[in-house]
Amino acid sequence: MPVDINFLVGGEAGYEAGDKMAALSKSQEWGDRIPIGLFYQTDSPAYEEQIPALMHGPLVKQSIHPQQLERLLAELQ
């Protein structure tokens, strides 16, 4: 039984990549045709765009003022 490896989900007529339930259902298909490709896509901002502190670069490369450090250490005591 040959398998159609060119079954691209995102190129299927009527398939909505923003429908999470359809993506889950499509990912469970198996048999003569095995779906590959884009199953689910959403237009959400990237993680680092949602955290204001990360807009200035990675936390490890940002400097911390001594007063902020003292306050943070005091909270841990």
PDB file of N, CA and C in Angstrom:
ATOM      1  N   MET A   1       0.845  -1.167   0.000  1.00  0.00           N
ATOM      2  CA  MET A   1       0.000   0.000   0.000  1.00  0.00           C
ATOM      3  C   MET A   1       0.900   1.242   0.000  1.00  0.00           C
ATOM      4  N   PRO A   2       0.972   2.017  -1.085  1.00  0.00           N
ATOM      5  CA  PRO A   2       1.824   3.202  -1.147  1.00  0.00           C
ATOM      6  C   PRO A   2       1.262   4.328  -0.281  1.00  0.00           C
ATOM      7  N   VAL A   3       2.156   5.108   0.261  1.00  0.00           N
ATOM      8  CA  VAL A   3       1.772   6.231   1.109  1.00  0.00           C
ATOM      9  C   VAL A   3       2.045   7.520   0.351  1.00  0.00           C
ATOM     10  N   ASP A   4       1.070   8.431   0.328  1.00  0.00           N
ATOM     11  CA  ASP A   4       1.222   9.724  -0.334  1.00  0.00           C
ATOM     12  C   ASP A   4       1.938  10.668   0.624  1.00  0.00           C
ATOM     13  N   ILE A   5       3.253  10.850   0.436  1.00  0.00           N
ATOM     14  CA  ILE A   5       4.011  11.717   1.341  1.00  0.00           C
ATOM     15  C   ILE A   5       3.904  13.184   0.942  1.00  0.00           C
ATOM     16  N   ASN A   6       3.190  13.477  -0.127  1.00  0.00           N
ATOM     17  CA  ASN A   6       3.031  14.856  -0.565  1.00  0.00           C
ATOM     18  C   ASN A   6       1.725  15.465  -0.070  1.00  0.00           C
ATOM     19  N   PHE A   7       1.172  14.943   0.972  1.00  0.00           N
ATOM     20  CA  PHE A   7      -0.079  15.430   1.540  1.00  0.00           C
ATOM     21  C   PHE A   7       0.242  16.564   2.507  1.00  0.00           C
ATOM     22  N   LEU A   8       0.337  17.776   1.983  1.00  0.00           N
ATOM     23  CA  LEU A   8       0.661  18.936   2.800  1.00  0.00           C
ATOM     24  C   LEU A   8      -0.614  19.538   3.364  1.00  0.00           C
ATOM     25  N   VAL A   9      -0.709  19.599   4.655  1.00  0.00           N
ATOM     26  CA  VAL A   9      -1.921  20.060   5.323  1.00  0.00           C
ATOM     27  C   VAL A   9      -2.245  21.503   4.975  1.00  0.00           C
ATOM     28  N   GLY A  10      -1.267  22.397   5.048  1.00  0.00           N
ATOM     29  CA  GLY A  10      -1.520  23.812   4.792  1.00  0.00           C
ATOM     30  C   GLY A  10      -2.026  24.094   3.387  1.00  0.00           C
ATOM     31  N   GLY A  11      -1.745  23.226   2.425  1.00  0.00           N
ATOM     32  CA  GLY A  11      -2.174  23.433   1.055  1.00  0.00           C
ATOM     33  C   GLY A  11      -3.516  22.810   0.727  1.00  0.00           C
ATOM     34  N   GLU A  12      -4.135  22.153   1.682  1.00  0.00           N
ATOM     35  CA  GLU A  12      -5.422  21.488   1.458  1.00  0.00           C
ATOM     36  C   GLU A  12      -6.541  22.519   1.354  1.00  0.00           C
ATOM     37  N   ALA A  13      -7.393  22.382   0.356  1.00  0.00           N
ATOM     38  CA  ALA A  13      -8.502  23.318   0.152  1.00  0.00           C
ATOM     39  C   ALA A  13      -9.449  23.297   1.350  1.00  0.00           C
ATOM     40  N   GLY A  14      -9.799  24.471   1.839  1.00  0.00           N
ATOM     41  CA  GLY A  14     -10.746  24.584   2.935  1.00  0.00           C
ATOM     42  C   GLY A  14     -10.153  24.381   4.322  1.00  0.00           C
ATOM     43  N   TYR A  15      -8.859  24.120   4.415  1.00  0.00           N
ATOM     44  CA  TYR A  15      -8.243  23.893   5.724  1.00  0.00           C
ATOM     45  C   TYR A  15      -7.883  25.226   6.356  1.00  0.00           C
ATOM     46  N   GLU A  16      -8.317  25.441   7.584  1.00  0.00           N
ATOM     47  CA  GLU A  16      -8.033  26.666   8.318  1.00  0.00           C
ATOM     48  C   GLU A  16      -6.921  26.404   9.326  1.00  0.00           C
ATOM     49  N   ALA A  17      -5.760  27.008   9.115  1.00  0.00           N
ATOM     50  CA  ALA A  17      -4.617  26.783  10.000  1.00  0.00           C
ATOM     51  C   ALA A  17      -4.819  27.401  11.383  1.00  0.00           C
ATOM     52  N   GLY A  18      -5.813  28.264  11.550  1.00  0.00           N
ATOM     53  CA  GLY A  18      -6.077  28.877  12.842  1.00  0.00           C
ATOM     54  C   GLY A  18      -7.064  28.101  13.698  1.00  0.00           C
ATOM     55  N   ASP A  19      -7.576  26.994  13.210  1.00  0.00           N
ATOM     56  CA  ASP A  19      -8.547  26.174  13.934  1.00  0.00           C
ATOM     57  C   ASP A  19      -7.809  25.079  14.699  1.00  0.00           C
ATOM     58  N   LYS A  20      -7.678  25.273  16.008  1.00  0.00           N
ATOM     59  CA  LYS A  20      -6.893  24.346  16.834  1.00  0.00           C
ATOM     60  C   LYS A  20      -7.483  22.936  16.855  1.00  0.00           C
ATOM     61  N   MET A  21      -8.803  22.822  16.895  1.00  0.00           N
ATOM     62  CA  MET A  21      -9.433  21.498  16.928  1.00  0.00           C
ATOM     63  C   MET A  21      -9.242  20.763  15.600  1.00  0.00           C
ATOM     64  N   ALA A  22      -9.326  21.494  14.482  1.00  0.00           N
ATOM     65  CA  ALA A  22      -9.097  20.876  13.169  1.00  0.00           C
ATOM     66  C   ALA A  22      -7.650  20.412  13.062  1.00  0.00           C
ATOM     67  N   ALA A  23      -6.717  21.192  13.608  1.00  0.00           N
ATOM     68  CA  ALA A  23      -5.303  20.817  13.579  1.00  0.00           C
ATOM     69  C   ALA A  23      -5.070  19.544  14.383  1.00  0.00           C
ATOM     70  N   LEU A  24      -5.691  19.455  15.546  1.00  0.00           N
ATOM     71  CA  LEU A  24      -5.548  18.259  16.374  1.00  0.00           C
ATOM     72  C   LEU A  24      -6.121  17.042  15.662  1.00  0.00           C
ATOM     73  N   SER A  25      -7.282  17.204  15.063  1.00  0.00           N
ATOM     74  CA  SER A  25      -7.914  16.109  14.332  1.00  0.00           C
ATOM     75  C   SER A  25      -7.058  15.676  13.145  1.00  0.00           C
ATOM     76  N   LYS A  26      -6.534  16.630  12.400  1.00  0.00           N
ATOM     77  CA  LYS A  26      -5.713  16.335  11.226  1.00  0.00           C
ATOM     78  C   LYS A  26      -4.423  15.623  11.634  1.00  0.00           C
ATOM     79  N   SER A  27      -3.866  15.988  12.784  1.00  0.00           N
ATOM     80  CA  SER A  27      -2.611  15.371  13.232  1.00  0.00           C
ATOM     81  C   SER A  27      -2.793  13.905  13.624  1.00  0.00           C
ATOM     82  N   GLN A  28      -4.033  13.487  13.867  1.00  0.00           N
ATOM     83  CA  GLN A  28      -4.306  12.106  14.256  1.00  0.00           C
ATOM     84  C   GLN A  28      -4.553  11.191  13.056  1.00  0.00           C
ATOM     85  N   GLU A  29      -4.627  11.769  11.855  1.00  0.00           N
ATOM     86  CA  GLU A  29      -4.870  10.960  10.658  1.00  0.00           C
ATOM     87  C   GLU A  29      -3.654  10.089  10.360  1.00  0.00           C
ATOM     88  N   TRP A  30      -3.900   8.877   9.922  1.00  0.00           N
ATOM     89  CA  TRP A  30      -2.828   7.937   9.600  1.00  0.00           C
ATOM     90  C   TRP A  30      -3.404   6.887   8.669  1.00  0.00           C
ATOM     91  N   GLY A  31      -2.662   6.484   7.689  1.00  0.00           N
ATOM     92  CA  GLY A  31      -3.155   5.472   6.757  1.00  0.00           C
ATOM     93  C   GLY A  31      -2.514   5.648   5.399  1.00  0.00           C
ATOM     94  N   ASP A  32      -3.337   5.635   4.347  1.00  0.00           N
ATOM     95  CA  ASP A  32      -2.815   5.804   2.992  1.00  0.00           C
ATOM     96  C   ASP A  32      -2.187   7.177   2.796  1.00  0.00           C
ATOM     97  N   ARG A  33      -2.733   8.161   3.491  1.00  0.00           N
ATOM     98  CA  ARG A  33      -2.195   9.528   3.410  1.00  0.00           C
ATOM     99  C   ARG A  33      -1.779   9.970   4.806  1.00  0.00           C
ATOM    100  N   ILE A  34      -0.541  10.380   4.922  1.00  0.00           N
ATOM    101  CA  ILE A  34      -0.021  10.850   6.204  1.00  0.00           C
ATOM    102  C   ILE A  34       0.201  12.353   6.087  1.00  0.00           C
ATOM    103  N   PRO A  35      -0.532  13.149   6.863  1.00  0.00           N
ATOM    104  CA  PRO A  35      -0.394  14.600   6.748  1.00  0.00           C
ATOM    105  C   PRO A  35       0.939  15.100   7.300  1.00  0.00           C
ATOM    106  N   ILE A  36       1.542  16.039   6.586  1.00  0.00           N
ATOM    107  CA  ILE A  36       2.765  16.705   7.036  1.00  0.00           C
ATOM    108  C   ILE A  36       2.599  18.191   6.767  1.00  0.00           C
ATOM    109  N   GLY A  37       3.400  19.000   7.374  1.00  0.00           N
ATOM    110  CA  GLY A  37       3.380  20.433   7.098  1.00  0.00           C
ATOM    111  C   GLY A  37       2.762  21.233   8.225  1.00  0.00           C
ATOM    112  N   LEU A  38       2.207  22.366   7.866  1.00  0.00           N
ATOM    113  CA  LEU A  38       1.640  23.306   8.824  1.00  0.00           C
ATOM    114  C   LEU A  38       0.266  22.831   9.285  1.00  0.00           C
ATOM    115  N   PHE A  39       0.133  22.533  10.573  1.00  0.00           N
ATOM    116  CA  PHE A  39      -1.143  22.097  11.136  1.00  0.00           C
ATOM    117  C   PHE A  39      -1.872  23.260  11.808  1.00  0.00           C
ATOM    118  N   TYR A  40      -1.143  24.076  12.550  1.00  0.00           N
ATOM    119  CA  TYR A  40      -1.770  25.148  13.326  1.00  0.00           C
ATOM    120  C   TYR A  40      -0.865  26.369  13.316  1.00  0.00           C
ATOM    121  N   GLN A  41      -1.469  27.527  13.127  1.00  0.00           N
ATOM    122  CA  GLN A  41      -0.712  28.772  13.139  1.00  0.00           C
ATOM    123  C   GLN A  41      -1.597  29.865  13.694  1.00  0.00           C
ATOM    124  N   THR A  42      -1.020  30.698  14.541  1.00  0.00           N
ATOM    125  CA  THR A  42      -1.756  31.821  15.101  1.00  0.00           C
ATOM    126  C   THR A  42      -0.877  33.065  15.021  1.00  0.00           C
ATOM    127  N   ASP A  43      -1.505  34.210  14.927  1.00  0.00           N
ATOM    128  CA  ASP A  43      -0.773  35.473  14.840  1.00  0.00           C
ATOM    129  C   ASP A  43      -0.605  36.070  16.232  1.00  0.00           C
ATOM    130  N   SER A  44       0.189  35.438  17.050  1.00  0.00           N
ATOM    131  CA  SER A  44       0.481  35.930  18.389  1.00  0.00           C
ATOM    132  C   SER A  44       1.847  36.596  18.379  1.00  0.00           C
ATOM    133  N   PRO A  45       2.028  37.609  19.219  1.00  0.00           N
ATOM    134  CA  PRO A  45       3.358  38.208  19.293  1.00  0.00           C
ATOM    135  C   PRO A  45       4.354  37.211  19.882  1.00  0.00           C
ATOM    136  N   ALA A  46       5.600  37.378  19.526  1.00  0.00           N
ATOM    137  CA  ALA A  46       6.653  36.516  20.057  1.00  0.00           C
ATOM    138  C   ALA A  46       6.741  36.701  21.572  1.00  0.00           C
ATOM    139  N   TYR A  47       7.247  35.687  22.258  1.00  0.00           N
ATOM    140  CA  TYR A  47       7.333  35.726  23.720  1.00  0.00           C
ATOM    141  C   TYR A  47       8.080  36.967  24.197  1.00  0.00           C
ATOM    142  N   GLU A  48       9.237  37.248  23.588  1.00  0.00           N
ATOM    143  CA  GLU A  48      10.046  38.377  24.054  1.00  0.00           C
ATOM    144  C   GLU A  48       9.359  39.720  23.803  1.00  0.00           C
ATOM    145  N   GLU A  49       8.397  39.774  22.894  1.00  0.00           N
ATOM    146  CA  GLU A  49       7.642  41.001  22.653  1.00  0.00           C
ATOM    147  C   GLU A  49       6.568  41.215  23.714  1.00  0.00           C
ATOM    148  N   GLN A  50       6.225  40.203  24.478  1.00  0.00           N
ATOM    149  CA  GLN A  50       5.188  40.298  25.499  1.00  0.00           C
ATOM    150  C   GLN A  50       5.748  40.672  26.870  1.00  0.00           C
ATOM    151  N   ILE A  51       7.056  40.572  27.050  1.00  0.00           N
ATOM    152  CA  ILE A  51       7.692  40.862  28.333  1.00  0.00           C
ATOM    153  C   ILE A  51       8.482  42.166  28.193  1.00  0.00           C
ATOM    154  N   PRO A  52       8.020  43.251  28.824  1.00  0.00           N
ATOM    155  CA  PRO A  52       8.690  44.547  28.656  1.00  0.00           C
ATOM    156  C   PRO A  52      10.186  44.518  28.980  1.00  0.00           C
ATOM    157  N   ALA A  53      10.595  43.768  29.986  1.00  0.00           N
ATOM    158  CA  ALA A  53      12.009  43.729  30.366  1.00  0.00           C
ATOM    159  C   ALA A  53      12.883  43.135  29.266  1.00  0.00           C
ATOM    160  N   LEU A  54      12.318  42.317  28.410  1.00  0.00           N
ATOM    161  CA  LEU A  54      13.102  41.683  27.348  1.00  0.00           C
ATOM    162  C   LEU A  54      13.222  42.556  26.100  1.00  0.00           C
ATOM    163  N   MET A  55      12.516  43.669  26.065  1.00  0.00           N
ATOM    164  CA  MET A  55      12.589  44.548  24.896  1.00  0.00           C
ATOM    165  C   MET A  55      13.940  45.247  24.788  1.00  0.00           C
ATOM    166  N   HIS A  56      14.697  45.256  25.876  1.00  0.00           N
ATOM    167  CA  HIS A  56      16.020  45.887  25.880  1.00  0.00           C
ATOM    168  C   HIS A  56      17.123  44.866  25.673  1.00  0.00           C
ATOM    169  N   GLY A  57      16.767  43.648  25.324  1.00  0.00           N
ATOM    170  CA  GLY A  57      17.747  42.590  25.096  1.00  0.00           C
ATOM    171  C   GLY A  57      17.634  41.514  26.161  1.00  0.00           C
ATOM    172  N   PRO A  58      18.484  40.490  26.071  1.00  0.00           N
ATOM    173  CA  PRO A  58      18.447  39.394  27.046  1.00  0.00           C
ATOM    174  C   PRO A  58      18.732  39.903  28.463  1.00  0.00           C
ATOM    175  N   LEU A  59      18.055  39.341  29.439  1.00  0.00           N
ATOM    176  CA  LEU A  59      18.237  39.774  30.830  1.00  0.00           C
ATOM    177  C   LEU A  59      19.677  39.645  31.285  1.00  0.00           C
ATOM    178  N   VAL A  60      20.345  38.598  30.848  1.00  0.00           N
ATOM    179  CA  VAL A  60      21.717  38.365  31.288  1.00  0.00           C
ATOM    180  C   VAL A  60      22.666  39.460  30.807  1.00  0.00           C
ATOM    181  N   LYS A  61      22.312  40.166  29.746  1.00  0.00           N
ATOM    182  CA  LYS A  61      23.174  41.224  29.213  1.00  0.00           C
ATOM    183  C   LYS A  61      22.768  42.610  29.703  1.00  0.00           C
ATOM    184  N   GLN A  62      21.713  42.695  30.514  1.00  0.00           N
ATOM    185  CA  GLN A  62      21.270  43.982  31.035  1.00  0.00           C
ATOM    186  C   GLN A  62      21.945  44.250  32.373  1.00  0.00           C
ATOM    187  N   SER A  63      22.298  45.516  32.581  1.00  0.00           N
ATOM    188  CA  SER A  63      22.927  45.860  33.861  1.00  0.00           C
ATOM    189  C   SER A  63      21.840  46.096  34.907  1.00  0.00           C
ATOM    190  N   ILE A  64      22.208  45.891  36.158  1.00  0.00           N
ATOM    191  CA  ILE A  64      21.284  46.132  37.265  1.00  0.00           C
ATOM    192  C   ILE A  64      21.937  47.151  38.190  1.00  0.00           C
ATOM    193  N   HIS A  65      21.168  48.135  38.590  1.00  0.00           N
ATOM    194  CA  HIS A  65      21.692  49.180  39.460  1.00  0.00           C
ATOM    195  C   HIS A  65      21.848  48.623  40.877  1.00  0.00           C
ATOM    196  N   PRO A  66      22.861  49.084  41.600  1.00  0.00           N
ATOM    197  CA  PRO A  66      23.095  48.565  42.958  1.00  0.00           C
ATOM    198  C   PRO A  66      21.872  48.669  43.875  1.00  0.00           C
ATOM    199  N   GLN A  67      21.097  49.749  43.758  1.00  0.00           N
ATOM    200  CA  GLN A  67      19.911  49.908  44.605  1.00  0.00           C
ATOM    201  C   GLN A  67      18.879  48.823  44.302  1.00  0.00           C
ATOM    202  N   GLN A  68      18.719  48.488  43.039  1.00  0.00           N
ATOM    203  CA  GLN A  68      17.780  47.429  42.666  1.00  0.00           C
ATOM    204  C   GLN A  68      18.263  46.090  43.201  1.00  0.00           C
ATOM    205  N   LEU A  69      19.563  45.858  43.125  1.00  0.00           N
ATOM    206  CA  LEU A  69      20.129  44.601  43.609  1.00  0.00           C
ATOM    207  C   LEU A  69      19.931  44.468  45.117  1.00  0.00           C
ATOM    208  N   GLU A  70      20.171  45.550  45.850  1.00  0.00           N
ATOM    209  CA  GLU A  70      19.984  45.517  47.304  1.00  0.00           C
ATOM    210  C   GLU A  70      18.524  45.214  47.656  1.00  0.00           C
ATOM    211  N   ARG A  71      17.596  45.830  46.941  1.00  0.00           N
ATOM    212  CA  ARG A  71      16.170  45.602  47.196  1.00  0.00           C
ATOM    213  C   ARG A  71      15.796  44.149  46.908  1.00  0.00           C
ATOM    214  N   LEU A  72      16.299  43.597  45.803  1.00  0.00           N
ATOM    215  CA  LEU A  72      15.999  42.208  45.459  1.00  0.00           C
ATOM    216  C   LEU A  72      16.577  41.240  46.485  1.00  0.00           C
ATOM    217  N   LEU A  73      17.801  41.499  46.920  1.00  0.00           N
ATOM    218  CA  LEU A  73      18.428  40.627  47.918  1.00  0.00           C
ATOM    219  C   LEU A  73      17.708  40.722  49.263  1.00  0.00           C
ATOM    220  N   ALA A  74      17.216  41.908  49.609  1.00  0.00           N
ATOM    221  CA  ALA A  74      16.475  42.081  50.866  1.00  0.00           C
ATOM    222  C   ALA A  74      15.183  41.264  50.845  1.00  0.00           C
ATOM    223  N   GLU A  75      14.559  41.151  49.692  1.00  0.00           N
ATOM    224  CA  GLU A  75      13.332  40.360  49.578  1.00  0.00           C
ATOM    225  C   GLU A  75      13.601  38.877  49.799  1.00  0.00           C
ATOM    226  N   LEU A  76      14.801  38.429  49.488  1.00  0.00           N
ATOM    227  CA  LEU A  76      15.132  37.014  49.631  1.00  0.00           C
ATOM    228  C   LEU A  76      15.521  36.632  51.055  1.00  0.00           C
ATOM    229  N   GLN A  77      15.801  37.614  51.895  1.00  0.00           N
ATOM    230  CA  GLN A  77      16.222  37.300  53.271  1.00  0.00           C
ATOM    231  C   GLN A  77      15.045  37.003  54.158  1.00  0.00           C
TER     232      GLN A  77
END
